[in-house]
Amino acid sequence: MRVPNQQLKRKRRWRRDFVVCCGNYKLSLGKRTVVMGIINCTPDSFSKDGCLSPSYENRDNFVHKAERRALKFIKEGADIIDIGGESSRPGASRITAREEAERVIPVIKSLVKKIRVPISVDTYKPLVAKKALDVGACIINNIMGTRLDDRLLSMVRDYGAAIILMHIRGTPSTMQKNISYNNLINDIICELKDSINRCLDIGIDPARIIIDPGIGFGKTVEDNLKIINRLEEFGKLKYPILIGPSRKSFIGKILDKQVNKRLAGTIASVCASVVRGVHIVRVHDVRAVKEAVTIMDEVLNSE
């Protein structure tokens, strides 16, 4: 029995359409899930894939290692490359802006000459953001998206970059202590709304704003599951939604898997998010996730 046309129309609206501007790039978000590949220029990433060794041996080779990984991700279908120089794992300590810049700027500077996709820098520090924008990054992925620095926002505006506003409670070193919400989803939405308004007040184009509810950042296992299950509610903010469940500890706790054995759990989390309207997925395993979201998109766009 065929589904009435009216129902088909409702079905096709499972994800809101947006065009995000980042530098000279325009990303069409709606019919196709955008995949962001993670490049960790760190020695202490929770995902065990940092391009710097813990002892900093062979440090001169890390740029080549990061570049090779980024090129591999693009071949596998990555739409954005996200480069970070400071670990944001639970309990992680801050490093100086100078040290962070020494890790990410050479990689961005090298990659921008070789790739034709937007480069995002995972930072909340104005000094790192400016250096990254100067050499060609066009997205600031700010994990402190609810504790914004006006200097950084002014840079995003002046450079015509995009900004990702991620929700977090506390800092990476404190975020998993004393986790408490009056109403999880409403609290996150309200805090993200305040951040959006600060961006708009400082003059950032609405077409350059992306939101991220912050899976794993000051949330319990149950909180993370609830966020994924209720992602549609973040649609009321009327901005594109990014989510980053890749290899996160909630997957490990549910499946009793070490970090390098969480691919199936990551794909399941990503697919559940796509069904609920997410636009961008930030992941470590690009090829497998790209294949999964391609099938999801085809199914959900079909009549």
Protein backbone atom coordinates (compact mmCIF):
# COMPACT_ATOMS: atom_id res chain seq x y z
CA MET A 1 0.00 0.00 0.00
CA ARG A 2 1.45 3.40 -1.00
CA VAL A 3 1.93 6.09 1.62
CA PRO A 4 -0.18 9.22 0.97
CA ASN A 5 1.77 12.14 -0.57
CA GLN A 6 1.22 14.30 2.50
CA GLN A 7 2.97 11.70 4.66
CA LEU A 8 5.83 11.50 2.17
CA LYS A 9 6.34 15.24 2.40
CA ARG A 10 6.51 15.04 6.17
CA LYS A 11 8.96 12.16 5.91
CA ARG A 12 11.31 14.17 3.68
CA ARG A 13 11.51 16.88 6.31
CA TRP A 14 13.33 14.65 8.79
CA ARG A 15 16.28 17.08 8.77
CA ARG A 16 16.17 20.85 8.36
CA ASP A 17 18.14 22.33 5.43
CA PHE A 18 20.94 24.85 6.03
CA VAL A 19 23.84 26.40 4.15
CA VAL A 20 26.82 27.10 6.40
CA CYS A 21 29.43 29.62 5.27
CA CYS A 22 33.00 29.15 6.47
CA GLY A 23 35.57 31.38 4.83
CA ASN A 24 35.18 30.86 1.10
CA TYR A 25 33.45 27.51 1.53
CA LYS A 26 29.72 26.82 1.60
CA LEU A 27 28.43 23.58 3.10
CA SER A 28 24.95 22.43 2.11
CA LEU A 29 23.43 20.63 5.07
CA GLY A 30 20.19 18.72 4.75
CA LYS A 31 19.97 15.83 2.34
CA ARG A 32 23.50 14.61 3.10
CA THR A 33 25.24 14.07 6.45
CA VAL A 34 28.56 15.93 6.64
CA VAL A 35 31.51 13.99 8.08
CA MET A 36 34.22 15.77 10.06
CA GLY A 37 37.48 13.83 10.45
CA ILE A 38 39.45 14.29 13.67
CA ILE A 39 43.21 14.94 13.63
CA ASN A 40 44.63 14.98 17.16
CA CYS A 41 48.03 16.73 17.28
CA THR A 42 48.43 15.60 20.88
CA PRO A 43 50.38 13.00 22.85
CA ASP A 44 47.53 12.24 25.26
CA SER A 45 44.28 11.88 23.34
CA PHE A 46 41.69 9.60 24.95
CA SER A 47 41.24 7.93 21.56
CA LYS A 48 44.89 6.81 21.46
CA ASP A 49 45.37 8.30 17.99
CA GLY A 50 47.40 11.41 18.76
CA CYS A 51 50.03 12.35 16.18
CA LEU A 52 52.53 13.21 18.92
CA SER A 53 54.07 10.37 20.93
CA PRO A 54 53.70 10.59 24.75
CA SER A 55 57.46 11.05 25.06
CA TYR A 56 57.51 13.57 22.17
CA GLU A 57 60.02 11.39 20.34
CA ASN A 58 60.28 12.08 16.61
CA ARG A 59 58.38 15.29 17.16
CA ASP A 60 59.64 16.69 13.87
CA ASN A 61 57.67 13.99 12.03
CA PHE A 62 54.27 14.71 13.55
CA VAL A 63 53.30 17.23 10.85
CA HIS A 64 53.88 14.61 8.17
CA LYS A 65 51.91 12.04 10.19
CA ALA A 66 48.97 14.43 10.68
CA GLU A 67 49.03 15.46 7.02
CA ARG A 68 49.04 11.85 5.86
CA ARG A 69 46.07 11.05 8.08
CA ALA A 70 44.12 14.07 6.84
CA LEU A 71 44.72 13.15 3.19
CA LYS A 72 43.58 9.60 3.96
CA PHE A 73 40.40 10.94 5.58
CA ILE A 74 39.61 13.08 2.55
CA LYS A 75 40.08 10.09 0.26
CA GLU A 76 37.65 8.20 2.50
CA GLY A 77 35.05 10.96 2.21
CA ALA A 78 35.68 13.52 4.95
CA ASP A 79 33.97 16.86 4.26
CA ILE A 80 35.80 18.79 7.00
CA ILE A 81 39.14 18.23 8.74
CA ASP A 82 39.22 19.18 12.43
CA ILE A 83 42.67 19.74 13.95
CA GLY A 84 43.22 19.93 17.71
CA GLY A 85 46.32 20.47 19.83
CA GLU A 86 45.02 20.18 23.39
CA SER A 87 43.39 17.05 24.77
CA SER A 88 39.87 17.56 26.10
CA ARG A 89 39.57 14.11 27.67
CA PRO A 90 38.07 14.03 31.20
CA GLY A 91 40.70 15.20 33.67
CA ALA A 92 42.96 16.73 31.03
CA SER A 93 45.10 19.69 32.03
CA ARG A 94 45.40 22.86 29.98
CA ILE A 95 48.51 23.60 27.98
CA THR A 96 49.72 27.06 27.04
CA ALA A 97 48.44 28.79 23.93
CA ARG A 98 52.02 28.84 22.64
CA GLU A 99 52.40 25.06 22.97
CA GLU A 100 48.99 24.46 21.37
CA ALA A 101 49.85 26.75 18.46
CA GLU A 102 53.18 24.95 17.95
CA ARG A 103 51.22 21.74 17.52
CA VAL A 104 48.44 22.84 15.17
CA ILE A 105 49.70 25.74 13.08
CA PRO A 106 52.37 23.83 11.10
CA VAL A 107 49.76 21.17 10.25
CA ILE A 108 47.14 23.70 9.10
CA LYS A 109 49.74 25.65 7.14
CA SER A 110 50.84 22.51 5.31
CA LEU A 111 47.35 21.10 4.70
CA VAL A 112 45.73 24.27 3.38
CA LYS A 113 47.99 24.06 0.31
CA LYS A 114 46.98 20.46 -0.41
CA ILE A 115 43.29 20.04 0.35
CA ARG A 116 40.05 21.63 -0.86
CA VAL A 117 37.81 21.10 2.16
CA PRO A 118 37.28 23.41 5.15
CA ILE A 119 39.83 23.15 7.96
CA SER A 120 38.52 23.49 11.49
CA VAL A 121 40.70 24.19 14.52
CA ASP A 122 39.58 22.74 17.85
CA THR A 123 40.44 25.58 20.21
CA TYR A 124 38.95 28.08 22.63
CA LYS A 125 42.10 30.24 22.93
CA PRO A 126 42.09 33.56 21.02
CA LEU A 127 45.84 33.41 20.27
CA VAL A 128 45.57 29.94 18.73
CA ALA A 129 42.42 30.89 16.84
CA LYS A 130 44.06 33.96 15.30
CA LYS A 131 47.16 32.09 14.20
CA ALA A 132 44.99 29.32 12.73
CA LEU A 133 42.74 31.75 10.86
CA ASP A 134 45.80 33.60 9.56
CA VAL A 135 47.16 30.45 7.89
CA GLY A 136 43.87 29.25 6.41
CA ALA A 137 41.56 27.62 8.96
CA CYS A 138 37.96 28.73 8.48
CA ILE A 139 36.06 27.08 11.36
CA ILE A 140 36.64 27.52 15.09
CA ASN A 141 35.44 24.45 16.99
CA ASN A 142 35.06 25.87 20.48
CA ILE A 143 34.55 23.29 23.24
CA MET A 144 33.96 26.20 25.64
CA GLY A 145 31.01 27.29 23.55
CA THR A 146 28.99 28.30 26.58
CA ARG A 147 31.87 30.31 28.10
CA LEU A 148 32.81 32.54 25.21
CA ASP A 149 35.68 35.01 24.86
CA ASP A 150 34.68 38.21 23.04
CA ARG A 151 38.13 38.43 21.43
CA LEU A 152 37.60 35.06 19.80
CA LEU A 153 34.09 35.97 18.65
CA SER A 154 35.38 39.19 17.10
CA MET A 155 37.94 37.18 15.14
CA VAL A 156 35.27 34.80 13.84
CA ARG A 157 33.26 37.82 12.67
CA ASP A 158 36.20 39.69 11.12
CA TYR A 159 37.65 36.65 9.30
CA GLY A 160 34.28 35.45 8.05
CA ALA A 161 34.86 32.10 9.73
CA ALA A 162 32.27 29.70 11.11
CA ILE A 163 32.03 28.78 14.79
CA ILE A 164 30.90 25.59 16.49
CA LEU A 165 29.39 26.26 19.90
CA MET A 166 29.73 23.17 22.07
CA HIS A 167 28.00 22.76 25.40
CA ILE A 168 30.17 21.93 28.41
CA ARG A 169 29.84 22.19 32.16
CA GLY A 170 33.11 23.22 33.82
CA THR A 171 36.38 22.44 32.03
CA PRO A 172 37.89 19.14 30.82
CA SER A 173 39.70 18.79 34.14
CA THR A 174 36.48 19.24 36.19
CA MET A 175 33.58 18.44 33.86
CA GLN A 176 32.87 14.93 35.15
CA LYS A 177 32.64 16.04 38.79
CA ASN A 178 29.32 16.95 40.41
CA ILE A 179 27.28 16.59 37.21
CA SER A 180 23.84 18.05 37.85
CA TYR A 181 21.04 19.46 35.69
CA ASN A 182 17.59 20.71 36.58
CA ASN A 183 16.32 19.57 33.18
CA LEU A 184 19.07 18.17 30.95
CA ILE A 185 17.75 19.04 27.48
CA ASN A 186 16.19 22.36 28.43
CA ASP A 187 19.31 23.43 30.35
CA ILE A 188 21.58 22.67 27.39
CA ILE A 189 19.24 24.41 24.95
CA CYS A 190 19.05 27.53 27.14
CA GLU A 191 22.82 27.72 27.56
CA LEU A 192 23.41 27.25 23.83
CA LYS A 193 20.79 29.91 23.09
CA ASP A 194 22.68 32.37 25.31
CA SER A 195 25.87 31.59 23.37
CA ILE A 196 24.12 32.06 20.03
CA ASN A 197 22.81 35.44 21.18
CA ARG A 198 26.31 36.56 22.17
CA CYS A 199 27.55 35.63 18.70
CA LEU A 200 24.72 37.55 17.06
CA ASP A 201 25.23 40.57 19.33
CA ILE A 202 28.89 40.79 18.31
CA GLY A 203 27.95 40.63 14.63
CA ILE A 204 28.59 37.03 13.57
CA ASP A 205 26.49 36.02 10.57
CA PRO A 206 23.83 33.45 11.62
CA ALA A 207 24.89 31.37 8.59
CA ARG A 208 28.26 30.83 10.31
CA ILE A 209 26.96 29.27 13.56
CA ILE A 210 26.76 25.54 14.36
CA ILE A 211 25.68 24.02 17.68
CA ASP A 212 26.94 20.90 19.49
CA PRO A 213 25.21 19.53 22.62
CA GLY A 214 28.55 18.20 23.88
CA ILE A 215 28.34 14.41 24.19
CA GLY A 216 30.66 13.34 27.00
CA PHE A 217 31.42 16.84 28.24
CA GLY A 218 29.94 17.06 31.73
CA LYS A 219 27.35 14.34 31.09
CA THR A 220 26.63 10.90 32.48
CA VAL A 221 26.10 7.80 30.34
CA GLU A 222 22.34 8.27 30.73
CA ASP A 223 22.65 11.96 29.79
CA ASN A 224 24.49 11.12 26.57
CA LEU A 225 21.86 8.58 25.57
CA LYS A 226 19.07 11.03 26.31
CA ILE A 227 20.74 13.75 24.20
CA ILE A 228 20.99 11.44 21.20
CA ASN A 229 17.43 10.21 21.64
CA ARG A 230 16.09 13.77 21.86
CA LEU A 231 18.28 15.54 19.30
CA GLU A 232 15.19 16.70 17.42
CA GLU A 233 14.44 19.08 20.29
CA PHE A 234 17.63 21.03 19.53
CA GLY A 235 16.02 21.87 16.17
CA LYS A 236 14.03 24.60 17.92
CA LEU A 237 17.25 26.67 18.02
CA LYS A 238 17.16 26.70 14.18
CA TYR A 239 20.89 26.12 13.67
CA PRO A 240 22.78 23.15 12.22
CA ILE A 241 23.60 20.44 14.77
CA LEU A 242 26.95 18.68 15.13
CA ILE A 243 27.50 15.68 17.37
CA GLY A 244 30.65 13.83 18.40
CA PRO A 245 29.99 10.41 19.96
CA SER A 246 33.05 8.81 18.36
CA ARG A 247 34.79 6.26 20.64
CA LYS A 248 33.38 8.02 23.72
CA SER A 249 33.41 6.37 27.14
CA PHE A 250 29.61 5.92 27.27
CA ILE A 251 30.00 3.45 24.40
CA GLY A 252 32.77 1.65 26.25
CA LYS A 253 30.74 1.42 29.44
CA ILE A 254 27.66 0.06 27.69
CA LEU A 255 29.53 -2.49 25.55
CA ASP A 256 32.45 -3.11 27.91
CA LYS A 257 34.90 -2.25 25.13
CA GLN A 258 38.29 -0.54 25.16
CA VAL A 259 38.65 2.65 23.14
CA ASN A 260 40.01 0.93 20.03
CA LYS A 261 37.06 -1.52 19.97
CA ARG A 262 34.22 1.01 19.85
CA LEU A 263 33.64 1.37 16.11
CA ALA A 264 30.33 -0.54 16.06
CA GLY A 265 29.05 1.50 18.99
CA THR A 266 30.18 4.70 17.30
CA ILE A 267 28.36 3.83 14.08
CA ALA A 268 25.19 2.94 15.99
CA SER A 269 25.32 6.27 17.85
CA VAL A 270 25.94 8.18 14.62
CA CYS A 271 23.06 6.46 12.79
CA ALA A 272 20.68 7.12 15.70
CA SER A 273 21.73 10.78 15.53
CA VAL A 274 21.20 10.99 11.77
CA VAL A 275 17.64 9.66 12.12
CA ARG A 276 17.00 12.42 14.65
CA GLY A 277 18.20 15.22 12.38
CA VAL A 278 21.90 15.79 13.08
CA HIS A 279 23.80 17.53 10.26
CA ILE A 280 27.49 16.96 11.02
CA VAL A 281 29.19 14.01 12.72
CA ARG A 282 32.71 14.38 14.14
CA VAL A 283 34.54 11.04 14.04
CA HIS A 284 37.89 9.22 14.19
CA ASP A 285 36.96 6.45 11.72
CA VAL A 286 35.96 8.26 8.55
CA ARG A 287 35.59 5.44 6.02
CA ALA A 288 33.24 3.27 8.08
CA VAL A 289 31.12 6.20 9.26
CA LYS A 290 30.92 7.72 5.77
CA GLU A 291 29.59 4.45 4.40
CA ALA A 292 27.06 4.16 7.22
CA VAL A 293 25.70 7.70 6.90
CA THR A 294 25.56 7.41 3.10
CA ILE A 295 23.18 4.46 3.46
CA MET A 296 21.22 6.25 6.18
CA ASP A 297 20.83 9.34 3.99
CA GLU A 298 19.71 7.29 1.00
CA VAL A 299 17.09 5.46 3.08
CA LEU A 300 15.78 8.58 4.76
CA ASN A 301 15.64 10.57 1.51
CA SER A 302 13.83 7.79 -0.33
CA GLU A 303 10.11 7.76 -1.03
